[in-house]
Structure formats: C-alpha cells, structure tokens
Amino acid sequence: MAALTLRLPDDKHERLKQLAKSRGMSVNKLMDEMTTLMLVEFDLKTRFQIRAARGEGKADRGLELLTKAKG
C-alpha cells in the first residue's frame, strides 16, 4: 500500500473531516471511497469510448446517461 501526502486548504480539510465523521469513517477511508468512485467513472467512460471507436452499440447515448447520472 502506498502513502500519499495531499495539500489542501485548511477549510477544505475541515469540511472533509466533518463529512467523514458524519458517515462514521476516517478521512482516509472517505478519500479511498471517493477515489474508487472516480476510477470507476473513468473506467466506464473509457469502455464506452473504446466501444464507440469499434462502432459497437450506442456509446454516445451511454456517455450521455453517464453524465446525467453523475449530476
């Protein structure tokens, strides 16, 4: 496992601590879950783009739905 040092403004760090506390987890676990979600989103987008390049399915519609689900 790797360690990562992240520099954040104090106010953002405090908000992350509050968010983690409200979810009953550490800031470390919160960041782990957030990065997992971002990587899943990236992987899905990449798969859609690969399928679109191959001419498979309706990748544009898939990307549109993915963007809509993201908010």
C-alpha atoms as a PDB file:
ATOM      1  CA  MET A   1       0.000   0.000   0.000  1.00  0.00           C
ATOM      2  CA  ALA A   2       1.251   3.478  -0.828  1.00  0.00           C
ATOM      3  CA  ALA A   3       1.061   6.651   1.229  1.00  0.00           C
ATOM      4  CA  LEU A   4       0.017   9.931  -0.361  1.00  0.00           C
ATOM      5  CA  THR A   5       0.543  13.424   1.003  1.00  0.00           C
ATOM      6  CA  LEU A   6      -2.159  15.807  -0.099  1.00  0.00           C
ATOM      7  CA  ARG A   7      -2.056  19.550   0.472  1.00  0.00           C
ATOM      8  CA  LEU A   8      -5.460  21.128   0.984  1.00  0.00           C
ATOM      9  CA  PRO A   9      -6.656  24.466   2.275  1.00  0.00           C
ATOM     10  CA  ASP A  10      -7.495  24.239   5.975  1.00  0.00           C
ATOM     11  CA  ASP A  11     -11.183  24.920   5.396  1.00  0.00           C
ATOM     12  CA  LYS A  12     -11.485  22.117   2.858  1.00  0.00           C
ATOM     13  CA  HIS A  13      -9.678  19.720   5.186  1.00  0.00           C
ATOM     14  CA  GLU A  14     -12.067  20.635   7.991  1.00  0.00           C
ATOM     15  CA  ARG A  15     -15.078  20.036   5.749  1.00  0.00           C
ATOM     16  CA  LEU A  16     -13.703  16.642   4.725  1.00  0.00           C
ATOM     17  CA  LYS A  17     -13.248  15.732   8.392  1.00  0.00           C
ATOM     18  CA  GLN A  18     -16.858  16.730   9.086  1.00  0.00           C
ATOM     19  CA  LEU A  19     -18.100  14.713   6.110  1.00  0.00           C
ATOM     20  CA  ALA A  20     -16.114  11.652   7.170  1.00  0.00           C
ATOM     21  CA  LYS A  21     -17.389  11.958  10.729  1.00  0.00           C
ATOM     22  CA  SER A  22     -20.999  12.238   9.522  1.00  0.00           C
ATOM     23  CA  ARG A  23     -20.503   8.958   7.629  1.00  0.00           C
ATOM     24  CA  GLY A  24     -18.805   7.259  10.561  1.00  0.00           C
ATOM     25  CA  MET A  25     -15.441   6.838   8.870  1.00  0.00           C
ATOM     26  CA  SER A  26     -11.961   8.289   8.801  1.00  0.00           C
ATOM     27  CA  VAL A  27     -10.830  10.890   6.283  1.00  0.00           C
ATOM     28  CA  ASN A  28      -8.520   8.219   4.878  1.00  0.00           C
ATOM     29  CA  LYS A  29     -11.438   5.839   4.255  1.00  0.00           C
ATOM     30  CA  LEU A  30     -13.503   8.692   2.788  1.00  0.00           C
ATOM     31  CA  MET A  31     -10.708   9.558   0.340  1.00  0.00           C
ATOM     32  CA  ASP A  32     -10.323   5.874  -0.550  1.00  0.00           C
ATOM     33  CA  GLU A  33     -14.036   5.619  -1.374  1.00  0.00           C
ATOM     34  CA  MET A  34     -14.006   8.892  -3.338  1.00  0.00           C
ATOM     35  CA  THR A  35     -11.051   7.800  -5.461  1.00  0.00           C
ATOM     36  CA  THR A  36     -12.702   4.416  -6.067  1.00  0.00           C
ATOM     37  CA  LEU A  37     -15.805   6.164  -7.415  1.00  0.00           C
ATOM     38  CA  MET A  38     -13.729   8.423  -9.644  1.00  0.00           C
ATOM     39  CA  LEU A  39     -11.771   5.456 -11.032  1.00  0.00           C
ATOM     40  CA  VAL A  40     -14.979   3.516 -11.729  1.00  0.00           C
ATOM     41  CA  GLU A  41     -16.366   6.535 -13.584  1.00  0.00           C
ATOM     42  CA  PHE A  42     -13.135   6.835 -15.582  1.00  0.00           C
ATOM     43  CA  ASP A  43     -13.175   3.118 -16.444  1.00  0.00           C
ATOM     44  CA  LEU A  44     -16.793   3.260 -17.606  1.00  0.00           C
ATOM     45  CA  LYS A  45     -16.145   6.283 -19.786  1.00  0.00           C
ATOM     46  CA  THR A  46     -13.068   4.616 -21.263  1.00  0.00           C
ATOM     47  CA  ARG A  47     -15.042   1.456 -22.071  1.00  0.00           C
ATOM     48  CA  PHE A  48     -17.763   3.486 -23.775  1.00  0.00           C
ATOM     49  CA  GLN A  49     -15.160   5.312 -25.858  1.00  0.00           C
ATOM     50  CA  ILE A  50     -13.467   2.060 -26.890  1.00  0.00           C
ATOM     51  CA  ARG A  51     -16.806   0.579 -27.922  1.00  0.00           C
ATOM     52  CA  ALA A  52     -17.665   3.741 -29.846  1.00  0.00           C
ATOM     53  CA  ALA A  53     -14.355   3.573 -31.712  1.00  0.00           C
ATOM     54  CA  ARG A  54     -15.170  -0.004 -32.690  1.00  0.00           C
ATOM     55  CA  GLY A  55     -18.655   1.034 -33.758  1.00  0.00           C
ATOM     56  CA  GLU A  56     -20.309  -1.123 -31.089  1.00  0.00           C
ATOM     57  CA  GLY A  57     -23.598  -0.114 -29.532  1.00  0.00           C
ATOM     58  CA  LYS A  58     -24.733   3.400 -28.856  1.00  0.00           C
ATOM     59  CA  ALA A  59     -21.753   4.770 -26.946  1.00  0.00           C
ATOM     60  CA  ASP A  60     -22.845   8.407 -27.305  1.00  0.00           C
ATOM     61  CA  ARG A  61     -26.120   7.580 -25.574  1.00  0.00           C
ATOM     62  CA  GLY A  62     -24.185   5.695 -22.898  1.00  0.00           C
ATOM     63  CA  LEU A  63     -21.919   8.667 -22.256  1.00  0.00           C
ATOM     64  CA  GLU A  64     -24.964  10.932 -22.121  1.00  0.00           C
ATOM     65  CA  LEU A  65     -26.565   8.683 -19.487  1.00  0.00           C
ATOM     66  CA  LEU A  66     -23.324   8.501 -17.533  1.00  0.00           C
ATOM     67  CA  THR A  67     -23.071  12.291 -17.491  1.00  0.00           C
ATOM     68  CA  LYS A  68     -26.710  12.586 -16.447  1.00  0.00           C
ATOM     69  CA  ALA A  69     -26.236  10.079 -13.606  1.00  0.00           C
ATOM     70  CA  LYS A  70     -23.199  11.997 -12.422  1.00  0.00           C
ATOM     71  CA  GLY A  71     -25.388  15.050 -11.917  1.00  0.00           C
END
